[in-house]
Amino acid sequence: MPCPSPVARHIKTYEEAARRGRNALENYIRFAREDGKPLPTPRTFAHATN
């Protein structure tokens, strides 16, 4: 299966992917606060069971 994103091809480990994801969320929160925009309401999702 081809890689879905050119960026994903450069991520070698789960830890790197998690670090990049956390960084993206931190930046999103910071910029939203700087711009005076509200953050989305947190949501939770139930796990599907068989």
N, C-alpha and C. Protein backbone atom coordinates (compact mmCIF):
# COMPACT_ATOMS: atom_id res chain seq x y z
N MET A 1 0.85 -1.18 0.00
CA MET A 1 0.00 0.00 0.00
C MET A 1 0.89 1.23 0.00
N PRO A 2 0.66 2.18 -0.88
CA PRO A 2 1.49 3.39 -0.91
C PRO A 2 1.29 4.23 0.35
N CYS A 3 2.33 4.94 0.70
CA CYS A 3 2.29 5.82 1.87
C CYS A 3 1.30 6.95 1.60
N PRO A 4 0.41 7.28 2.56
CA PRO A 4 -0.62 8.29 2.32
C PRO A 4 -0.10 9.72 2.22
N SER A 5 1.07 9.97 2.76
CA SER A 5 1.55 11.35 2.80
C SER A 5 3.06 11.38 2.59
N PRO A 6 3.56 12.35 1.83
CA PRO A 6 5.02 12.46 1.69
C PRO A 6 5.71 12.69 3.03
N VAL A 7 5.04 13.40 3.95
CA VAL A 7 5.62 13.65 5.27
C VAL A 7 5.76 12.35 6.04
N ALA A 8 4.75 11.49 5.96
CA ALA A 8 4.77 10.24 6.70
C ALA A 8 5.94 9.36 6.30
N ARG A 9 6.42 9.48 5.09
CA ARG A 9 7.56 8.67 4.64
C ARG A 9 8.83 8.99 5.41
N HIS A 10 8.92 10.17 5.99
CA HIS A 10 10.12 10.59 6.70
C HIS A 10 10.06 10.30 8.19
N ILE A 11 8.95 9.84 8.68
CA ILE A 11 8.81 9.51 10.10
C ILE A 11 9.21 8.06 10.28
N LYS A 12 10.27 7.84 11.04
CA LYS A 12 10.85 6.50 11.16
C LYS A 12 10.32 5.70 12.34
N THR A 13 9.87 6.37 13.40
CA THR A 13 9.46 5.64 14.60
C THR A 13 8.12 6.17 15.13
N TYR A 14 7.50 5.34 15.93
CA TYR A 14 6.27 5.76 16.60
C TYR A 14 6.54 6.96 17.49
N GLU A 15 7.67 6.95 18.18
CA GLU A 15 8.01 8.04 19.10
C GLU A 15 8.13 9.37 18.35
N GLU A 16 8.73 9.33 17.17
CA GLU A 16 8.85 10.56 16.37
C GLU A 16 7.48 11.04 15.92
N ALA A 17 6.62 10.12 15.50
CA ALA A 17 5.26 10.49 15.09
C ALA A 17 4.50 11.10 16.25
N ALA A 18 4.63 10.49 17.44
CA ALA A 18 3.94 11.02 18.62
C ALA A 18 4.47 12.40 18.98
N ARG A 19 5.79 12.59 18.89
CA ARG A 19 6.40 13.88 19.21
C ARG A 19 5.91 14.96 18.24
N ARG A 20 5.85 14.62 16.95
CA ARG A 20 5.37 15.59 15.96
C ARG A 20 3.89 15.91 16.17
N GLY A 21 3.11 14.91 16.52
CA GLY A 21 1.70 15.15 16.78
C GLY A 21 1.49 16.05 17.97
N ARG A 22 2.25 15.79 19.03
CA ARG A 22 2.15 16.63 20.23
C ARG A 22 2.56 18.06 19.91
N ASN A 23 3.63 18.22 19.15
CA ASN A 23 4.09 19.55 18.76
C ASN A 23 3.02 20.28 17.95
N ALA A 24 2.38 19.56 17.04
CA ALA A 24 1.32 20.18 16.22
C ALA A 24 0.17 20.65 17.09
N LEU A 25 -0.23 19.82 18.06
CA LEU A 25 -1.33 20.21 18.96
C LEU A 25 -0.93 21.40 19.83
N GLU A 26 0.29 21.40 20.35
CA GLU A 26 0.75 22.52 21.17
C GLU A 26 0.74 23.82 20.37
N ASN A 27 1.19 23.76 19.13
CA ASN A 27 1.18 24.96 18.29
C ASN A 27 -0.24 25.42 17.97
N TYR A 28 -1.12 24.47 17.70
CA TYR A 28 -2.52 24.82 17.42
C TYR A 28 -3.12 25.57 18.62
N ILE A 29 -2.89 25.04 19.81
CA ILE A 29 -3.43 25.67 21.02
C ILE A 29 -2.82 27.05 21.22
N ARG A 30 -1.51 27.16 21.04
CA ARG A 30 -0.83 28.44 21.25
C ARG A 30 -1.34 29.50 20.27
N PHE A 31 -1.43 29.14 18.99
CA PHE A 31 -1.89 30.12 17.99
C PHE A 31 -3.36 30.49 18.20
N ALA A 32 -4.18 29.53 18.58
CA ALA A 32 -5.59 29.84 18.83
C ALA A 32 -5.70 30.83 19.98
N ARG A 33 -4.93 30.60 21.04
CA ARG A 33 -4.97 31.53 22.19
C ARG A 33 -4.45 32.91 21.80
N GLU A 34 -3.36 32.95 21.04
CA GLU A 34 -2.81 34.25 20.61
C GLU A 34 -3.81 35.02 19.75
N ASP A 35 -4.58 34.30 18.94
CA ASP A 35 -5.56 34.94 18.06
C ASP A 35 -6.91 35.15 18.74
N GLY A 36 -7.02 34.73 20.00
CA GLY A 36 -8.27 34.91 20.72
C GLY A 36 -9.39 33.98 20.25
N LYS A 37 -9.03 32.87 19.62
CA LYS A 37 -10.04 31.93 19.13
C LYS A 37 -10.26 30.85 20.17
N PRO A 38 -11.51 30.42 20.32
CA PRO A 38 -11.78 29.36 21.30
C PRO A 38 -11.28 28.01 20.80
N LEU A 39 -10.92 27.17 21.74
CA LEU A 39 -10.54 25.81 21.39
C LEU A 39 -11.80 24.96 21.28
N PRO A 40 -11.77 23.92 20.46
CA PRO A 40 -12.94 23.05 20.36
C PRO A 40 -13.23 22.38 21.70
N THR A 41 -14.48 22.08 21.93
CA THR A 41 -14.86 21.36 23.14
C THR A 41 -14.30 19.95 23.07
N PRO A 42 -13.63 19.49 24.15
CA PRO A 42 -13.08 18.13 24.14
C PRO A 42 -14.20 17.10 23.98
N ARG A 43 -13.91 16.05 23.24
CA ARG A 43 -14.87 14.97 23.05
C ARG A 43 -14.18 13.65 23.35
N THR A 44 -14.95 12.69 23.76
CA THR A 44 -14.43 11.34 23.96
C THR A 44 -15.22 10.39 23.08
N PHE A 45 -14.60 9.31 22.72
CA PHE A 45 -15.22 8.32 21.86
C PHE A 45 -15.16 6.96 22.53
N ALA A 46 -16.27 6.26 22.53
CA ALA A 46 -16.30 4.91 23.10
C ALA A 46 -15.65 3.95 22.11
N HIS A 47 -14.97 2.97 22.66
CA HIS A 47 -14.37 1.93 21.81
C HIS A 47 -15.44 1.00 21.31
N ALA A 48 -15.30 0.58 20.09
CA ALA A 48 -16.24 -0.38 19.52
C ALA A 48 -15.99 -1.74 20.16
N THR A 49 -17.03 -2.43 20.47
CA THR A 49 -16.91 -3.79 21.02
C THR A 49 -17.63 -4.76 20.13
N ASN A 50 -17.14 -5.96 20.11
CA ASN A 50 -17.77 -6.99 19.28
C ASN A 50 -18.78 -7.78 20.08
